[in-house]
Amino acid sequence: MKLKHIFSVLVIILVSGCIHGGQTSLTSPVVQGDAGIEFVIQNVPDYIQSGSKFSFLLEIINYGGYSVPAKSIEVNLANTNFFEYSQDTLTNDIPLLERTPELDRGGITYFSFDNVLFSLPALAGDTTSLSLNTCYYYHTDGVVDICISDDSYGDICNAVGEKEIYSSSAPVEISEFSQLNSLKVGSAIKSTIRFKIKKIGSEAVSSKGSNNFDCSSEDLNLNSIRINSIRIGNIEFNSDGQTSNTISQICGGNEIINLNDKGEATVTCNIITYQGWTSALGEFEERLTINLDYVNNKIISKELSIIG
C-alpha cells in the first residue's frame, strides 16, 4: 500500500511538472535591451602633427527598439579650439532601423569627417583628445497587460498589484509597473496605474512639450522625458491634445517628467481603460502601451598622439 501511495504521488508530481514546468515566460512584444545608438570613432591616424589635416569615420549603430528617422541624428566637433572643420553639423540622410534579434543590432551608417585641421600648437610626445557632440531623438515603449474589471479584486484577473512590463531597448526604460485599481464609473471602466522611469547610462536626456522637438530645438528641458502617449485597446491619450483627455490631465498635470539625481521618476496616471462596459463582458485583460520620447546627448572622445 505504501509503494502504491508513493507511486501515485510521483505521478501527480510528474503530471504537475508537465503542466507547469513546460510553461515559459511570454515572448517580449518589444525589442528589449539596454542601449540606444552607439557612436565609435574609427580610422584616425596613429599620430597627428600641429597644422596638419586628417580624416576619420564615425560609425553609428542602432542597438535600440526604435527606428530613428532621417535627420534625427546630429554630430559636430566639440573641441573646436583644437580642431577646425568646414561643416558645422553632420546628420543622417537615411533612417536607422530598430535592432533585430537575428543580428542583435539595427541599422548602421557612417559619418565621414574629411580634412579636419589640428590647429593647436603642441610638442612631440603630447596627446590630445578628439571630441564629438552626439545627439539623437529617440522613443521608448513599455508594454503591459492590465485587468479590466468593475471590481479591483476579480475572479479572472486581479487589478491590484505589480504587472510584468516589457520595455524596449533604449537609453531610457520603464522598469516597474503597478495597477492600483479597476472600477466602473458610469459606462466606463477606470484605473489608476503607476510606473517607474529609469535612465540607463551617463548620457543626458532632454525633452520639450511639443511634437516638434529634436536636437536642434531650443529651450529643451534638461534631465527629463516626455510621455508622448498612453494607449489601451482602441483608446489613446496623447500629449498633443487630440483626445478628450490629454496626458497632462491624466498624469498629474504635465506630460514632461523630470528625473531625479539618480535619473529616475515615478508617474501615477488615472485613465479610462474601457468605454461602454457591460456586465456581459465580464473581466478580461487588455494591452496597455506607454510611449516616451526624448533627446539623448553625449560627448565621445578619442585620444590622439602628437609628433613634432
Protein backbone atom coordinates (compact mmCIF):
# COMPACT_ATOMS: atom_id res chain seq x y z
CA MET A 1 0.00 0.00 0.00
CA LYS A 2 2.86 2.31 0.80
CA LEU A 3 4.50 1.65 -2.56
CA LYS A 4 1.20 2.28 -4.32
CA HIS A 5 0.79 5.57 -2.44
CA ILE A 6 4.32 6.69 -3.30
CA PHE A 7 3.75 5.81 -6.98
CA SER A 8 0.55 7.90 -7.01
CA VAL A 9 2.39 10.89 -5.54
CA LEU A 10 5.14 10.59 -8.16
CA VAL A 11 2.54 10.51 -10.95
CA ILE A 12 0.91 13.68 -9.60
CA ILE A 13 4.31 15.44 -9.41
CA LEU A 14 5.23 14.39 -12.96
CA VAL A 15 1.89 15.49 -14.38
CA SER A 16 2.12 18.77 -12.49
CA GLY A 17 5.62 19.28 -13.90
CA CYS A 18 4.32 18.71 -17.44
CA ILE A 19 1.59 21.24 -16.92
CA HIS A 20 3.54 23.95 -15.14
CA GLY A 21 7.21 23.18 -15.76
CA GLY A 22 6.73 23.30 -19.51
CA GLN A 23 5.45 26.86 -19.36
CA THR A 24 7.94 29.53 -20.32
CA SER A 25 7.78 33.27 -19.88
CA LEU A 26 5.95 35.15 -22.60
CA THR A 27 7.95 36.38 -25.57
CA SER A 28 8.60 40.09 -25.27
CA PRO A 29 6.28 42.10 -27.54
CA VAL A 30 9.04 44.71 -28.00
CA VAL A 31 12.74 44.56 -28.80
CA GLN A 32 14.48 44.57 -25.42
CA GLY A 33 17.96 45.57 -24.29
CA ASP A 34 19.81 48.36 -22.54
CA ALA A 35 21.13 50.60 -25.31
CA GLY A 36 20.06 53.08 -27.96
CA ILE A 37 22.55 54.40 -30.53
CA GLU A 38 26.28 53.74 -30.20
CA PHE A 39 28.93 56.02 -31.71
CA VAL A 40 32.51 54.84 -32.40
CA ILE A 41 35.32 56.98 -33.82
CA GLN A 42 37.30 54.94 -36.37
CA ASN A 43 40.23 55.24 -38.80
CA VAL A 44 42.03 58.05 -37.01
CA PRO A 45 45.77 58.29 -37.78
CA ASP A 46 48.28 56.85 -35.30
CA TYR A 47 49.90 60.27 -34.98
CA ILE A 48 48.99 63.84 -35.87
CA GLN A 49 51.07 66.99 -36.21
CA SER A 50 50.20 70.58 -35.41
CA GLY A 51 48.94 72.30 -38.56
CA SER A 52 48.22 69.02 -40.33
CA LYS A 53 44.93 67.75 -41.73
CA PHE A 54 43.47 64.28 -41.27
CA SER A 55 40.24 62.36 -41.85
CA PHE A 56 38.28 59.82 -39.84
CA LEU A 57 34.97 57.92 -39.78
CA LEU A 58 32.24 57.85 -37.18
CA GLU A 59 30.38 54.52 -37.03
CA ILE A 60 26.78 54.81 -35.83
CA ILE A 61 24.83 51.67 -34.87
CA ASN A 62 21.24 51.48 -33.63
CA TYR A 63 21.02 48.89 -30.83
CA GLY A 64 17.57 50.01 -29.66
CA GLY A 65 13.97 49.16 -30.31
CA TYR A 66 13.11 52.36 -32.22
CA SER A 67 13.73 53.08 -35.90
CA VAL A 68 15.36 56.51 -36.00
CA PRO A 69 14.05 58.68 -38.86
CA ALA A 70 16.32 60.56 -41.24
CA LYS A 71 17.68 63.87 -39.92
CA SER A 72 17.24 62.74 -36.29
CA ILE A 73 20.94 62.26 -35.51
CA GLU A 74 23.34 65.21 -35.31
CA VAL A 75 27.10 65.22 -34.69
CA ASN A 76 29.65 68.04 -34.57
CA LEU A 77 33.15 68.73 -33.25
CA ALA A 78 33.16 69.52 -29.53
CA ASN A 79 36.67 70.94 -29.07
CA THR A 80 36.75 73.45 -31.93
CA ASN A 81 39.53 75.37 -30.19
CA PHE A 82 41.78 72.37 -31.00
CA PHE A 83 40.33 71.27 -34.32
CA GLU A 84 38.78 73.05 -37.30
CA TYR A 85 36.26 71.54 -39.69
CA SER A 86 34.40 73.08 -42.63
CA GLN A 87 30.96 71.69 -41.69
CA ASP A 88 29.15 72.65 -38.52
CA THR A 89 26.92 69.58 -38.14
CA LEU A 90 26.54 66.20 -39.84
CA THR A 91 23.18 64.39 -39.84
CA ASN A 92 21.82 61.06 -41.08
CA ASP A 93 20.31 61.04 -44.56
CA ILE A 94 18.71 57.61 -44.10
CA PRO A 95 16.67 56.07 -41.27
CA LEU A 96 18.39 53.65 -38.90
CA LEU A 97 16.08 50.68 -38.42
CA GLU A 98 15.48 49.17 -34.98
CA ARG A 99 17.51 46.25 -33.67
CA THR A 100 16.58 42.76 -34.87
CA PRO A 101 17.05 39.68 -32.65
CA GLU A 102 18.80 37.88 -35.50
CA LEU A 103 21.60 40.47 -35.80
CA ASP A 104 21.43 41.79 -32.23
CA ARG A 105 21.60 45.27 -33.75
CA GLY A 106 19.73 47.51 -36.15
CA GLY A 107 20.80 49.88 -38.89
CA ILE A 108 24.36 51.16 -39.40
CA THR A 109 25.57 54.37 -41.01
CA TYR A 110 28.87 56.25 -41.21
CA PHE A 111 29.71 59.94 -41.00
CA SER A 112 32.87 60.91 -42.84
CA PHE A 113 34.93 63.78 -41.39
CA ASP A 114 37.39 64.83 -44.11
CA ASN A 115 40.26 67.32 -43.90
CA VAL A 116 39.99 68.11 -40.22
CA LEU A 117 42.71 70.59 -39.21
CA PHE A 118 44.60 70.16 -35.94
CA SER A 119 45.33 73.80 -35.17
CA LEU A 120 46.65 73.69 -31.59
CA PRO A 121 50.42 74.20 -31.14
CA ALA A 122 51.79 71.07 -29.49
CA LEU A 123 55.04 69.25 -28.77
CA ALA A 124 56.07 65.79 -29.83
CA GLY A 125 55.05 63.19 -27.26
CA ASP A 126 51.95 65.10 -26.17
CA THR A 127 48.44 63.73 -26.53
CA THR A 128 45.14 65.39 -27.32
CA SER A 129 41.51 64.30 -27.41
CA LEU A 130 39.32 64.44 -30.47
CA SER A 131 35.82 65.02 -29.06
CA LEU A 132 32.41 64.98 -30.73
CA ASN A 133 29.00 66.17 -29.59
CA THR A 134 26.46 63.46 -30.43
CA CYS A 135 22.70 63.91 -30.26
CA TYR A 136 19.68 61.88 -31.37
CA TYR A 137 15.91 61.85 -30.94
CA TYR A 138 14.53 58.55 -29.58
CA HIS A 139 11.47 56.64 -28.29
CA THR A 140 10.93 54.07 -25.56
CA ASP A 141 7.87 51.79 -25.47
CA GLY A 142 6.60 49.99 -22.39
CA VAL A 143 4.07 47.19 -22.94
CA VAL A 144 1.99 45.57 -20.19
CA ASP A 145 -1.31 43.65 -19.83
CA ILE A 146 -3.73 45.08 -17.25
CA CYS A 147 -7.04 43.88 -15.84
CA ILE A 148 -10.36 45.38 -17.00
CA SER A 149 -12.97 44.80 -14.31
CA ASP A 150 -15.75 46.57 -12.41
CA ASP A 151 -14.06 45.41 -9.19
CA SER A 152 -10.42 45.79 -8.19
CA TYR A 153 -10.34 42.21 -6.96
CA GLY A 154 -11.79 39.91 -9.58
CA ASP A 155 -12.06 36.17 -10.18
CA ILE A 156 -10.44 36.05 -13.62
CA CYS A 157 -7.80 38.76 -13.26
CA ASN A 158 -6.56 40.94 -10.44
CA ALA A 159 -6.48 44.71 -10.91
CA VAL A 160 -4.30 45.35 -7.86
CA GLY A 161 -0.58 44.67 -7.81
CA GLU A 162 2.60 44.72 -9.86
CA LYS A 163 2.44 43.69 -13.52
CA GLU A 164 5.27 42.47 -15.72
CA ILE A 165 6.20 45.22 -18.15
CA TYR A 166 8.35 44.87 -21.26
CA SER A 167 10.44 47.94 -22.11
CA SER A 168 12.03 48.45 -25.50
CA SER A 169 15.79 48.69 -25.76
CA ALA A 170 16.77 52.31 -25.28
CA PRO A 171 18.70 54.75 -23.05
CA VAL A 172 15.50 55.14 -21.01
CA GLU A 173 13.42 52.23 -19.74
CA ILE A 174 10.15 51.69 -17.93
CA SER A 175 11.38 49.43 -15.16
CA GLU A 176 8.30 48.86 -12.96
CA PHE A 177 4.52 48.95 -13.37
CA SER A 178 1.63 48.59 -10.93
CA GLN A 179 -2.13 48.66 -11.38
CA LEU A 180 -3.78 50.09 -8.27
CA ASN A 181 -7.47 49.53 -9.04
CA SER A 182 -10.15 48.98 -11.68
CA LEU A 183 -13.59 50.47 -11.08
CA LYS A 184 -16.80 51.09 -13.01
CA VAL A 185 -17.71 54.78 -13.35
CA GLY A 186 -20.90 55.22 -15.34
CA SER A 187 -20.45 53.18 -18.52
CA ALA A 188 -16.66 53.36 -18.35
CA ILE A 189 -14.00 51.37 -16.54
CA LYS A 190 -11.29 53.48 -14.96
CA SER A 191 -7.99 52.53 -13.41
CA THR A 192 -5.07 54.08 -11.57
CA ILE A 193 -1.67 52.98 -12.84
CA ARG A 194 1.83 53.72 -11.58
CA PHE A 195 5.11 53.19 -13.40
CA LYS A 196 8.79 53.91 -12.86
CA ILE A 197 11.05 55.51 -15.48
CA LYS A 198 14.79 54.94 -15.29
CA LYS A 199 17.64 56.43 -17.33
CA ILE A 200 20.37 53.98 -18.33
CA GLY A 201 23.97 55.12 -18.73
CA SER A 202 25.60 58.51 -18.36
CA GLU A 203 24.02 60.26 -21.34
CA ALA A 204 21.96 63.39 -20.80
CA VAL A 205 18.29 63.25 -21.82
CA SER A 206 16.09 66.24 -22.57
CA SER A 207 12.51 66.85 -23.70
CA LYS A 208 10.05 69.51 -24.72
CA GLY A 209 6.27 69.90 -24.50
CA SER A 210 5.86 69.95 -28.27
CA ASN A 211 5.63 67.44 -31.10
CA ASN A 212 8.30 69.37 -32.98
CA PHE A 213 11.38 68.96 -30.81
CA ASP A 214 14.70 67.49 -31.88
CA CYS A 215 18.43 68.00 -31.45
CA SER A 216 18.30 71.49 -32.90
CA SER A 217 15.40 72.62 -30.68
CA GLU A 218 15.89 75.42 -28.23
CA ASP A 219 14.54 75.55 -24.67
CA LEU A 220 14.77 71.81 -24.09
CA ASN A 221 14.01 70.65 -20.55
CA LEU A 222 17.19 69.08 -19.22
CA ASN A 223 17.13 65.75 -17.35
CA SER A 224 13.57 64.97 -18.39
CA ILE A 225 11.49 62.85 -20.76
CA ARG A 226 8.04 63.34 -22.27
CA ILE A 227 5.12 60.91 -22.08
CA ASN A 228 4.16 61.02 -25.73
CA SER A 229 1.12 58.72 -25.49
CA ILE A 230 -0.63 56.00 -23.49
CA ARG A 231 -2.76 53.56 -25.44
CA ILE A 232 -5.06 50.80 -24.21
CA GLY A 233 -7.19 48.89 -26.69
CA ASN A 234 -8.68 51.48 -29.03
CA ILE A 235 -8.35 54.34 -26.51
CA GLU A 236 -5.32 56.62 -26.83
CA PHE A 237 -4.23 59.59 -24.72
CA ASN A 238 -1.76 61.94 -26.44
CA SER A 239 0.45 64.79 -25.38
CA ASP A 240 -0.80 66.96 -28.26
CA GLY A 241 -4.40 67.32 -27.04
CA GLN A 242 -6.04 65.39 -29.88
CA THR A 243 -8.07 63.32 -27.41
CA SER A 244 -10.62 64.40 -24.83
CA ASN A 245 -8.14 63.66 -22.05
CA THR A 246 -4.54 64.71 -22.62
CA ILE A 247 -1.53 63.13 -20.93
CA SER A 248 -1.14 66.17 -18.70
CA GLN A 249 -4.75 65.82 -17.49
CA ILE A 250 -4.49 62.14 -16.58
CA CYS A 251 -0.89 62.04 -15.33
CA GLY A 252 -0.58 64.74 -12.69
CA GLY A 253 -0.70 67.94 -14.70
CA ASN A 254 2.26 67.65 -17.08
CA GLU A 255 3.46 65.32 -19.82
CA ILE A 256 7.07 66.41 -19.11
CA ILE A 257 8.56 64.17 -16.41
CA ASN A 258 11.63 65.45 -14.59
CA LEU A 259 14.13 62.84 -13.44
CA ASN A 260 15.78 62.96 -10.02
CA ASP A 261 19.54 62.96 -9.41
CA LYS A 262 19.51 59.17 -9.85
CA GLY A 263 17.91 59.51 -13.27
CA GLU A 264 14.57 58.09 -12.09
CA ALA A 265 10.95 59.17 -11.76
CA THR A 266 7.66 57.58 -10.68
CA VAL A 267 4.47 58.55 -12.52
CA THR A 268 0.84 57.98 -11.48
CA CYS A 269 -1.99 58.24 -14.04
CA ASN A 270 -5.77 57.89 -13.76
CA ILE A 271 -7.09 56.60 -17.06
CA ILE A 272 -10.18 55.26 -18.77
CA THR A 273 -9.39 51.67 -19.72
CA TYR A 274 -12.69 50.76 -21.41
CA GLN A 275 -15.70 52.69 -22.74
CA GLY A 276 -19.18 51.14 -22.85
CA TRP A 277 -18.52 48.28 -20.45
CA THR A 278 -21.43 45.93 -19.58
CA SER A 279 -21.65 43.05 -17.15
CA ALA A 280 -21.87 40.69 -20.13
CA LEU A 281 -18.24 41.48 -20.92
CA GLY A 282 -17.06 40.37 -17.50
CA GLU A 283 -13.37 40.61 -16.59
CA PHE A 284 -10.56 40.43 -19.13
CA GLU A 285 -7.03 41.62 -19.78
CA GLU A 286 -6.15 44.38 -22.22
CA ARG A 287 -2.77 45.50 -23.52
CA LEU A 288 -1.52 48.94 -22.49
CA THR A 289 1.37 50.71 -24.22
CA ILE A 290 3.27 53.70 -22.85
CA ASN A 291 5.37 55.71 -25.32
CA LEU A 292 8.13 58.04 -24.11
CA ASP A 293 10.25 60.33 -26.29
CA TYR A 294 13.33 62.44 -25.61
CA VAL A 295 16.61 63.77 -26.99
CA ASN A 296 19.82 61.99 -25.98
CA ASN A 297 23.17 63.85 -25.76
CA LYS A 298 26.66 62.52 -25.18
CA ILE A 299 30.24 63.62 -25.80
CA ILE A 300 32.55 60.90 -27.12
CA SER A 301 36.33 61.20 -27.37
CA LYS A 302 39.36 59.52 -28.92
CA GLU A 303 42.89 60.15 -27.66
CA LEU A 304 45.44 61.06 -30.35
CA SER A 305 49.24 61.08 -30.13
CA ILE A 306 51.24 64.06 -31.41
CA ILE A 307 54.56 64.08 -33.30
CA GLY A 308 56.79 67.08 -33.86
